Structure formats: C-alpha cells, structure tokens
N, C-alpha and C. Protein backbone atom coordinates (compact mmCIF):
# COMPACT_ATOMS: atom_id res chain seq x y z
N MET A 1 128.94 88.49 -31.27
CA MET A 1 129.32 89.25 -30.10
C MET A 1 128.10 90.00 -29.59
N ARG A 2 128.00 90.07 -28.30
CA ARG A 2 126.91 90.80 -27.67
C ARG A 2 127.48 91.63 -26.53
N VAL A 3 127.03 92.86 -26.41
CA VAL A 3 127.44 93.74 -25.31
C VAL A 3 126.20 94.01 -24.46
N ARG A 4 126.38 93.86 -23.14
CA ARG A 4 125.25 94.12 -22.25
C ARG A 4 125.73 94.92 -21.04
N GLU A 5 124.79 95.57 -20.40
CA GLU A 5 125.05 96.25 -19.13
C GLU A 5 124.14 95.63 -18.09
N ASP A 6 124.74 95.14 -17.01
CA ASP A 6 123.99 94.51 -15.92
C ASP A 6 123.91 95.47 -14.74
N SER A 7 122.74 95.56 -14.14
CA SER A 7 122.59 96.28 -12.88
C SER A 7 123.08 95.34 -11.79
N ILE A 8 123.99 95.83 -10.96
CA ILE A 8 124.56 94.98 -9.91
C ILE A 8 124.49 95.69 -8.56
N ALA A 9 124.54 94.90 -7.52
CA ALA A 9 124.64 95.42 -6.16
C ALA A 9 126.08 95.21 -5.70
N LEU A 10 126.72 96.28 -5.27
CA LEU A 10 128.09 96.19 -4.79
C LEU A 10 128.10 95.65 -3.36
N ARG A 11 129.25 95.30 -2.88
CA ARG A 11 129.38 94.68 -1.55
C ARG A 11 128.78 95.55 -0.44
N ASP A 12 128.90 96.87 -0.61
CA ASP A 12 128.37 97.77 0.43
C ASP A 12 126.87 98.03 0.26
N GLY A 13 126.25 97.36 -0.73
CA GLY A 13 124.81 97.51 -0.94
C GLY A 13 124.46 98.56 -1.97
N SER A 14 125.41 99.38 -2.38
CA SER A 14 125.11 100.39 -3.40
C SER A 14 124.95 99.71 -4.77
N GLN A 15 124.26 100.42 -5.64
CA GLN A 15 123.98 99.90 -6.98
C GLN A 15 125.03 100.36 -7.97
N GLY A 16 125.24 99.55 -8.99
CA GLY A 16 126.19 99.89 -10.04
C GLY A 16 125.79 99.25 -11.35
N ILE A 17 126.58 99.52 -12.36
CA ILE A 17 126.36 98.94 -13.68
C ILE A 17 127.66 98.28 -14.10
N TYR A 18 127.56 97.07 -14.65
CA TYR A 18 128.75 96.34 -15.12
C TYR A 18 128.55 96.02 -16.59
N GLY A 19 129.48 96.49 -17.42
CA GLY A 19 129.45 96.20 -18.85
C GLY A 19 130.14 94.87 -19.13
N VAL A 20 129.49 94.02 -19.95
CA VAL A 20 130.02 92.70 -20.27
C VAL A 20 129.98 92.48 -21.78
N VAL A 21 131.09 92.01 -22.32
CA VAL A 21 131.14 91.60 -23.72
C VAL A 21 131.04 90.08 -23.75
N GLU A 22 130.01 89.57 -24.41
CA GLU A 22 129.85 88.13 -24.57
C GLU A 22 130.37 87.74 -25.94
N LYS A 23 131.35 86.88 -25.96
CA LYS A 23 131.95 86.46 -27.22
C LYS A 23 132.38 85.02 -27.10
N SER A 24 132.24 84.25 -28.17
CA SER A 24 132.57 82.83 -28.12
C SER A 24 134.08 82.63 -27.98
N ASP A 25 134.43 81.48 -27.44
CA ASP A 25 135.84 81.13 -27.25
C ASP A 25 136.56 81.00 -28.59
N PHE A 26 137.88 81.08 -28.53
CA PHE A 26 138.71 80.89 -29.72
C PHE A 26 139.81 79.90 -29.40
N ALA A 27 140.58 79.56 -30.41
CA ALA A 27 141.69 78.62 -30.25
C ALA A 27 142.99 79.34 -30.57
N VAL A 28 144.03 79.04 -29.80
CA VAL A 28 145.38 79.53 -30.04
C VAL A 28 146.24 78.29 -30.29
N ILE A 29 146.98 78.32 -31.38
CA ILE A 29 147.77 77.15 -31.76
C ILE A 29 149.25 77.50 -31.70
N VAL A 30 150.03 76.63 -31.03
CA VAL A 30 151.48 76.83 -30.91
C VAL A 30 152.15 75.77 -31.79
N PRO A 31 152.44 76.11 -33.06
CA PRO A 31 153.10 75.17 -33.95
C PRO A 31 154.61 75.21 -33.74
N VAL A 32 155.15 74.17 -33.13
CA VAL A 32 156.57 74.13 -32.78
C VAL A 32 157.19 72.86 -33.35
N GLU A 33 158.35 73.03 -33.97
CA GLU A 33 159.09 71.87 -34.44
C GLU A 33 160.54 72.28 -34.72
N ASN A 34 161.45 71.41 -34.31
CA ASN A 34 162.88 71.62 -34.57
C ASN A 34 163.38 72.98 -34.09
N GLY A 35 162.90 73.41 -32.93
CA GLY A 35 163.38 74.65 -32.34
C GLY A 35 162.83 75.93 -32.95
N VAL A 36 161.79 75.83 -33.78
CA VAL A 36 161.17 77.03 -34.35
C VAL A 36 159.68 77.04 -34.05
N ILE A 37 159.15 78.25 -33.97
CA ILE A 37 157.72 78.48 -33.75
C ILE A 37 157.19 79.22 -34.97
N HIS A 38 156.06 78.77 -35.47
CA HIS A 38 155.42 79.43 -36.62
C HIS A 38 154.48 80.51 -36.09
N LEU A 39 154.67 81.73 -36.57
CA LEU A 39 153.83 82.86 -36.19
C LEU A 39 153.16 83.44 -37.43
N VAL A 40 152.16 84.25 -37.20
CA VAL A 40 151.52 85.02 -38.28
C VAL A 40 151.57 86.50 -37.90
N GLU A 41 151.61 87.33 -38.92
CA GLU A 41 151.56 88.77 -38.71
C GLU A 41 150.40 89.32 -39.53
N GLN A 42 149.64 90.19 -38.89
CA GLN A 42 148.53 90.82 -39.60
C GLN A 42 148.23 92.18 -38.99
N TYR A 43 147.49 92.98 -39.74
CA TYR A 43 147.05 94.28 -39.27
C TYR A 43 145.88 94.09 -38.31
N ARG A 44 145.98 94.70 -37.16
CA ARG A 44 144.91 94.65 -36.16
C ARG A 44 144.28 96.03 -36.06
N TYR A 45 143.10 96.16 -36.65
CA TYR A 45 142.43 97.45 -36.75
C TYR A 45 142.26 98.18 -35.42
N PRO A 46 141.79 97.51 -34.35
CA PRO A 46 141.55 98.25 -33.10
C PRO A 46 142.78 98.98 -32.57
N VAL A 47 143.98 98.45 -32.81
CA VAL A 47 145.20 99.09 -32.30
C VAL A 47 146.02 99.71 -33.42
N GLN A 48 145.48 99.70 -34.63
CA GLN A 48 146.08 100.38 -35.78
C GLN A 48 147.54 99.98 -36.01
N GLY A 49 147.80 98.69 -36.01
CA GLY A 49 149.18 98.25 -36.26
C GLY A 49 149.27 96.78 -36.64
N ARG A 50 150.41 96.42 -37.21
CA ARG A 50 150.71 95.04 -37.57
C ARG A 50 151.54 94.41 -36.47
N TYR A 51 151.15 93.19 -36.07
CA TYR A 51 151.87 92.51 -35.00
C TYR A 51 151.98 91.02 -35.30
N TRP A 52 153.05 90.42 -34.79
CA TRP A 52 153.25 88.98 -34.85
C TRP A 52 152.50 88.33 -33.69
N GLU A 53 151.95 87.15 -33.96
CA GLU A 53 151.21 86.40 -32.94
C GLU A 53 151.14 84.94 -33.36
N LEU A 54 150.70 84.10 -32.45
CA LEU A 54 150.44 82.71 -32.79
C LEU A 54 149.18 82.62 -33.64
N PRO A 55 149.08 81.60 -34.50
CA PRO A 55 147.82 81.41 -35.23
C PRO A 55 146.68 81.24 -34.22
N GLN A 56 145.56 81.86 -34.55
CA GLN A 56 144.42 81.81 -33.63
C GLN A 56 143.16 82.24 -34.34
N GLY A 57 142.03 81.86 -33.79
CA GLY A 57 140.78 82.30 -34.38
C GLY A 57 139.59 81.62 -33.77
N SER A 58 138.41 82.11 -34.19
CA SER A 58 137.14 81.54 -33.74
C SER A 58 136.22 81.48 -34.94
N TRP A 59 135.16 80.75 -34.77
CA TRP A 59 134.10 80.70 -35.78
C TRP A 59 132.85 81.25 -35.14
N GLU A 60 132.63 82.54 -35.29
CA GLU A 60 131.46 83.16 -34.70
C GLU A 60 130.17 82.60 -35.29
N HIS A 61 130.23 82.09 -36.52
CA HIS A 61 129.05 81.49 -37.16
C HIS A 61 128.77 80.09 -36.63
N ALA A 62 129.75 79.49 -35.93
CA ALA A 62 129.59 78.14 -35.38
C ALA A 62 130.26 78.06 -34.01
N PRO A 63 129.71 78.77 -33.01
CA PRO A 63 130.37 78.87 -31.71
C PRO A 63 130.48 77.55 -30.94
N ASP A 64 129.70 76.55 -31.31
CA ASP A 64 129.73 75.27 -30.60
C ASP A 64 130.68 74.25 -31.24
N THR A 65 131.50 74.70 -32.17
CA THR A 65 132.46 73.82 -32.82
C THR A 65 133.43 73.25 -31.78
N ASP A 66 133.78 71.99 -31.93
CA ASP A 66 134.76 71.37 -31.05
C ASP A 66 136.06 72.18 -31.13
N PRO A 67 136.64 72.58 -30.00
CA PRO A 67 137.85 73.40 -30.02
C PRO A 67 139.01 72.77 -30.79
N LEU A 68 139.14 71.44 -30.75
CA LEU A 68 140.21 70.78 -31.50
C LEU A 68 140.00 70.93 -33.00
N ASP A 69 138.77 70.77 -33.46
CA ASP A 69 138.48 70.96 -34.88
C ASP A 69 138.77 72.40 -35.30
N LEU A 70 138.38 73.34 -34.45
CA LEU A 70 138.65 74.75 -34.71
C LEU A 70 140.15 75.00 -34.80
N ALA A 71 140.91 74.45 -33.86
CA ALA A 71 142.37 74.66 -33.85
C ALA A 71 143.02 74.09 -35.10
N ARG A 72 142.64 72.89 -35.49
CA ARG A 72 143.21 72.29 -36.71
C ARG A 72 142.90 73.15 -37.94
N ALA A 73 141.66 73.61 -38.03
CA ALA A 73 141.24 74.41 -39.18
C ALA A 73 141.95 75.76 -39.20
N GLU A 74 142.07 76.42 -38.06
CA GLU A 74 142.72 77.73 -38.02
C GLU A 74 144.22 77.61 -38.35
N LEU A 75 144.86 76.56 -37.86
CA LEU A 75 146.28 76.34 -38.18
C LEU A 75 146.46 76.23 -39.68
N HIS A 76 145.64 75.41 -40.32
CA HIS A 76 145.76 75.23 -41.77
C HIS A 76 145.40 76.50 -42.52
N GLU A 77 144.31 77.13 -42.11
CA GLU A 77 143.84 78.34 -42.78
C GLU A 77 144.90 79.43 -42.78
N GLU A 78 145.52 79.67 -41.64
CA GLU A 78 146.43 80.81 -41.51
C GLU A 78 147.86 80.52 -41.94
N THR A 79 148.31 79.26 -41.80
CA THR A 79 149.73 78.95 -42.09
C THR A 79 149.91 77.93 -43.21
N GLY A 80 148.88 77.19 -43.53
CA GLY A 80 149.00 76.09 -44.48
C GLY A 80 149.51 74.81 -43.84
N LEU A 81 149.80 74.86 -42.55
CA LEU A 81 150.35 73.70 -41.85
C LEU A 81 149.24 72.75 -41.40
N THR A 82 149.56 71.46 -41.41
CA THR A 82 148.74 70.46 -40.73
C THR A 82 149.63 69.80 -39.68
N ALA A 83 149.03 69.30 -38.64
CA ALA A 83 149.79 68.72 -37.53
C ALA A 83 149.35 67.27 -37.30
N ARG A 84 150.33 66.39 -37.13
CA ARG A 84 150.00 65.00 -36.79
C ARG A 84 149.45 64.91 -35.38
N THR A 85 149.97 65.75 -34.46
CA THR A 85 149.47 65.74 -33.09
C THR A 85 149.09 67.15 -32.66
N MET A 86 147.98 67.21 -31.91
CA MET A 86 147.51 68.47 -31.34
C MET A 86 147.21 68.17 -29.87
N LEU A 87 148.02 68.71 -28.99
CA LEU A 87 147.88 68.47 -27.56
C LEU A 87 147.21 69.67 -26.90
N HIS A 88 146.09 69.42 -26.22
CA HIS A 88 145.39 70.51 -25.51
C HIS A 88 146.21 70.87 -24.28
N ILE A 89 146.62 72.13 -24.19
CA ILE A 89 147.49 72.60 -23.11
C ILE A 89 146.68 73.22 -21.98
N GLY A 90 145.57 73.86 -22.32
CA GLY A 90 144.76 74.48 -21.28
C GLY A 90 143.76 75.46 -21.84
N HIS A 91 143.01 76.07 -20.96
CA HIS A 91 142.00 77.07 -21.30
C HIS A 91 142.22 78.28 -20.40
N LEU A 92 142.29 79.45 -20.99
CA LEU A 92 142.44 80.70 -20.25
C LEU A 92 141.35 81.67 -20.69
N PHE A 93 141.12 82.70 -19.90
CA PHE A 93 140.19 83.76 -20.29
C PHE A 93 140.98 84.91 -20.91
N GLU A 94 140.41 85.51 -21.94
CA GLU A 94 141.06 86.61 -22.65
C GLU A 94 141.16 87.84 -21.74
N CYS A 95 140.06 88.25 -21.17
CA CYS A 95 140.06 89.43 -20.29
C CYS A 95 138.80 89.41 -19.45
N TYR A 96 138.82 88.59 -18.39
CA TYR A 96 137.58 88.35 -17.67
C TYR A 96 137.09 89.52 -16.83
N GLY A 97 137.77 90.63 -16.90
CA GLY A 97 137.27 91.84 -16.23
C GLY A 97 136.10 92.46 -16.97
N TYR A 98 135.95 92.14 -18.26
CA TYR A 98 134.82 92.68 -19.02
C TYR A 98 134.26 91.73 -20.07
N SER A 99 134.88 90.55 -20.26
CA SER A 99 134.45 89.67 -21.33
C SER A 99 134.32 88.22 -20.86
N THR A 100 133.39 87.50 -21.49
CA THR A 100 133.21 86.07 -21.21
C THR A 100 134.15 85.21 -22.05
N GLN A 101 134.83 85.80 -23.02
CA GLN A 101 135.62 85.04 -23.98
C GLN A 101 136.86 84.40 -23.36
N GLY A 102 137.05 83.14 -23.72
CA GLY A 102 138.24 82.42 -23.32
C GLY A 102 138.90 81.82 -24.55
N TYR A 103 139.98 81.10 -24.32
CA TYR A 103 140.64 80.45 -25.45
C TYR A 103 141.31 79.15 -25.01
N HIS A 104 141.26 78.20 -25.95
CA HIS A 104 141.89 76.90 -25.78
C HIS A 104 143.26 76.96 -26.45
N ILE A 105 144.27 76.43 -25.77
CA ILE A 105 145.63 76.45 -26.29
C ILE A 105 146.02 75.04 -26.71
N TYR A 106 146.54 74.91 -27.92
CA TYR A 106 146.97 73.63 -28.45
C TYR A 106 148.42 73.70 -28.90
N LEU A 107 149.17 72.66 -28.56
CA LEU A 107 150.53 72.48 -29.06
C LEU A 107 150.44 71.61 -30.30
N ALA A 108 150.89 72.14 -31.44
CA ALA A 108 150.83 71.42 -32.72
C ALA A 108 152.23 70.94 -33.07
N GLN A 109 152.36 69.63 -33.32
CA GLN A 109 153.64 69.06 -33.68
C GLN A 109 153.46 68.05 -34.81
N GLY A 110 154.57 67.62 -35.40
CA GLY A 110 154.50 66.76 -36.57
C GLY A 110 153.94 67.55 -37.74
N LEU A 111 154.53 68.70 -37.98
CA LEU A 111 153.99 69.66 -38.94
C LEU A 111 154.34 69.30 -40.38
N GLU A 112 153.35 69.49 -41.24
CA GLU A 112 153.54 69.31 -42.68
C GLU A 112 153.04 70.57 -43.37
N ALA A 113 153.85 71.08 -44.31
CA ALA A 113 153.54 72.32 -45.00
C ALA A 113 152.53 72.08 -46.12
N GLY A 114 151.72 73.07 -46.34
CA GLY A 114 150.75 73.08 -47.44
C GLY A 114 150.42 74.53 -47.76
N ASP A 115 149.38 74.74 -48.52
CA ASP A 115 148.97 76.09 -48.88
C ASP A 115 147.95 76.62 -47.88
N ALA A 116 148.14 77.86 -47.46
CA ALA A 116 147.19 78.51 -46.56
C ALA A 116 145.87 78.72 -47.30
N ALA A 117 144.79 78.78 -46.56
CA ALA A 117 143.45 79.01 -47.12
C ALA A 117 142.80 80.15 -46.35
N ARG A 118 143.42 81.32 -46.44
CA ARG A 118 142.99 82.46 -45.62
C ARG A 118 141.65 83.02 -46.05
N GLU A 119 140.96 83.56 -45.04
CA GLU A 119 139.70 84.25 -45.30
C GLU A 119 139.99 85.60 -45.93
N ARG A 120 138.97 86.20 -46.52
CA ARG A 120 139.11 87.48 -47.20
C ARG A 120 139.73 88.54 -46.27
N GLU A 121 139.34 88.53 -44.98
CA GLU A 121 139.85 89.53 -44.04
C GLU A 121 141.33 89.30 -43.69
N GLU A 122 141.87 88.16 -44.08
CA GLU A 122 143.25 87.82 -43.75
C GLU A 122 144.19 87.93 -44.95
N GLN A 123 143.78 88.67 -45.96
CA GLN A 123 144.56 88.79 -47.20
C GLN A 123 145.98 89.27 -46.97
N ASP A 124 146.16 90.12 -45.99
CA ASP A 124 147.48 90.71 -45.75
C ASP A 124 148.31 89.94 -44.73
N MET A 125 147.83 88.76 -44.33
CA MET A 125 148.53 87.98 -43.31
C MET A 125 149.81 87.39 -43.88
N ILE A 126 150.84 87.37 -43.03
CA ILE A 126 152.13 86.77 -43.36
C ILE A 126 152.37 85.64 -42.35
N SER A 127 152.92 84.54 -42.79
CA SER A 127 153.27 83.43 -41.90
C SER A 127 154.76 83.17 -42.04
N ARG A 128 155.42 82.95 -40.89
CA ARG A 128 156.86 82.72 -40.90
C ARG A 128 157.28 81.96 -39.65
N ALA A 129 158.32 81.16 -39.78
CA ALA A 129 158.87 80.41 -38.65
C ALA A 129 160.05 81.19 -38.07
N PHE A 130 160.12 81.21 -36.73
CA PHE A 130 161.18 81.91 -36.01
C PHE A 130 161.82 80.96 -35.00
N PRO A 131 163.14 81.06 -34.80
CA PRO A 131 163.76 80.31 -33.70
C PRO A 131 163.13 80.76 -32.37
N ILE A 132 162.99 79.83 -31.44
CA ILE A 132 162.36 80.12 -30.15
C ILE A 132 163.01 81.32 -29.46
N ALA A 133 164.35 81.39 -29.49
CA ALA A 133 165.05 82.51 -28.85
C ALA A 133 164.67 83.85 -29.50
N GLU A 134 164.42 83.85 -30.79
CA GLU A 134 164.03 85.09 -31.47
C GLU A 134 162.61 85.50 -31.07
N VAL A 135 161.73 84.52 -30.88
CA VAL A 135 160.38 84.83 -30.42
C VAL A 135 160.44 85.45 -29.02
N ASP A 136 161.28 84.88 -28.16
CA ASP A 136 161.46 85.47 -26.82
C ASP A 136 161.91 86.92 -26.91
N ALA A 137 162.87 87.19 -27.79
CA ALA A 137 163.37 88.56 -27.97
C ALA A 137 162.27 89.47 -28.51
N MET A 138 161.45 88.96 -29.41
CA MET A 138 160.35 89.76 -29.97
C MET A 138 159.35 90.15 -28.88
N ILE A 139 159.11 89.25 -27.94
CA ILE A 139 158.22 89.58 -26.82
C ILE A 139 158.85 90.67 -25.96
N LEU A 140 160.12 90.50 -25.62
CA LEU A 140 160.81 91.48 -24.78
C LEU A 140 160.89 92.85 -25.43
N GLU A 141 161.05 92.88 -26.76
CA GLU A 141 161.18 94.14 -27.50
C GLU A 141 159.84 94.78 -27.85
N GLY A 142 158.73 94.07 -27.64
CA GLY A 142 157.42 94.62 -27.94
C GLY A 142 156.94 94.37 -29.36
N ALA A 143 157.65 93.55 -30.14
CA ALA A 143 157.18 93.21 -31.48
C ALA A 143 156.00 92.24 -31.38
N ILE A 144 155.93 91.49 -30.30
CA ILE A 144 154.78 90.64 -30.01
C ILE A 144 154.10 91.24 -28.79
N LYS A 145 152.84 91.69 -28.99
CA LYS A 145 152.09 92.31 -27.90
C LYS A 145 150.79 91.58 -27.60
N ASP A 146 150.54 90.51 -28.31
CA ASP A 146 149.30 89.76 -28.14
C ASP A 146 149.35 88.97 -26.83
N ALA A 147 148.45 89.29 -25.92
CA ALA A 147 148.45 88.65 -24.60
C ALA A 147 148.22 87.14 -24.69
N ALA A 148 147.36 86.69 -25.61
CA ALA A 148 147.11 85.25 -25.74
C ALA A 148 148.38 84.52 -26.18
N THR A 149 149.15 85.13 -27.05
CA THR A 149 150.41 84.53 -27.51
C THR A 149 151.39 84.42 -26.35
N VAL A 150 151.58 85.49 -25.62
CA VAL A 150 152.53 85.51 -24.52
C VAL A 150 152.09 84.51 -23.44
N ALA A 151 150.80 84.49 -23.13
CA ALA A 151 150.29 83.57 -22.10
C ALA A 151 150.44 82.12 -22.54
N ALA A 152 150.14 81.83 -23.80
CA ALA A 152 150.24 80.45 -24.29
C ALA A 152 151.68 79.95 -24.22
N LEU A 153 152.62 80.78 -24.63
CA LEU A 153 154.03 80.39 -24.56
C LEU A 153 154.48 80.22 -23.11
N GLY A 154 154.01 81.09 -22.23
CA GLY A 154 154.35 80.97 -20.81
C GLY A 154 153.79 79.69 -20.21
N LEU A 155 152.56 79.34 -20.55
CA LEU A 155 151.95 78.12 -20.03
C LEU A 155 152.70 76.88 -20.53
N LEU A 156 153.09 76.90 -21.80
CA LEU A 156 153.89 75.78 -22.34
C LEU A 156 155.20 75.63 -21.57
N ARG A 157 155.83 76.74 -21.26
CA ARG A 157 157.08 76.69 -20.50
C ARG A 157 156.85 76.14 -19.10
N LEU A 158 155.82 76.61 -18.44
CA LEU A 158 155.53 76.15 -17.08
C LEU A 158 155.24 74.65 -17.05
N LYS A 159 154.68 74.13 -18.12
CA LYS A 159 154.38 72.70 -18.20
C LYS A 159 155.57 71.88 -18.73
N GLY A 160 156.69 72.57 -19.00
CA GLY A 160 157.88 71.87 -19.48
C GLY A 160 157.80 71.42 -20.92
N LEU A 161 156.96 72.04 -21.71
CA LEU A 161 156.76 71.65 -23.11
C LEU A 161 157.48 72.54 -24.11
N LEU A 162 158.13 73.59 -23.60
CA LEU A 162 158.86 74.52 -24.46
C LEU A 162 160.13 74.90 -23.71
N PRO A 163 161.28 74.82 -24.39
CA PRO A 163 162.54 75.15 -23.70
C PRO A 163 162.63 76.63 -23.32
C-alpha cells in the first residue's frame, strides 16, 4: 500500500491537494450452492468489530497474480472449499474517491468441502453457510456491513445469477 498527496488544479484554476491510497486489487468470491451462500466472519481492526462477509482477499506480496488464481486460493484458504466452476462476474472499485483499489467478483459453484488453510492473521475467522434469505436479512439488519459483499450480491442479482 502506498499513500500519496497530489497537487491538483481545480476546475476554477485554484490549487488543491488530493490524497490517494494506492493498493492492489482483491478478489471477492460468492460461493453459492443449493440455496445457501458461504460467508466468513472475522474481526476487522479498523472498525473494531466482527462482521460477516463473502470470502475475499489480495496478495500484496504478488499484486500481479491472475485474479482467478487469487480467487480460487482465497476461497480455499478461508473456507476450505474448492469450486468446479468460477465465473467472473465483474470488476468494481472499492472506493474510488480516495483509492485505486478495485476487486474482481467470482461466482463459485460445484463446491467441495475441505480443510481451510488460513493465514496467521485469520486465526479467529469463522466460516458458515447461510440460506440466501437469511443473508438478505443480515444485510438489512446491519450484521453484514461490508460494501464489497453487498455490491457483489447486488451485481449477481442484476445479472440474474442469484434469486
């Protein structure tokens, strides 16, 4: 991650400063099968709380990794699941008002269970499957606050890939 401040000229010609966070893209995986979605819950230090979200991650040590390889690895790492099919749904930006970071969304299907291989920082992570209707309720109630999760599920719905 890199943080920079750019000197910019505003439309009226006045000068300003724009702060930018440069961060590599990540992958968000939507593991869906038989009417359930697999989510993970973990403590998120910046907001001081535990929240449910879709499996997701990046490899800051290897930012040029193929997004599909990253998605497959993150799915297995966080949930223990492997997927026979991974369909690329789209690419969105996390928060383009201050960051260059975006994310690739993948629909994972044909799921097979295995053992998770979590990183040291993910020791407290929990993985669980929820009925789709329960995930919708969790979003409405604020139990899911992750914007990438909400956006990924919304994009899947708009494309007719999620009931």
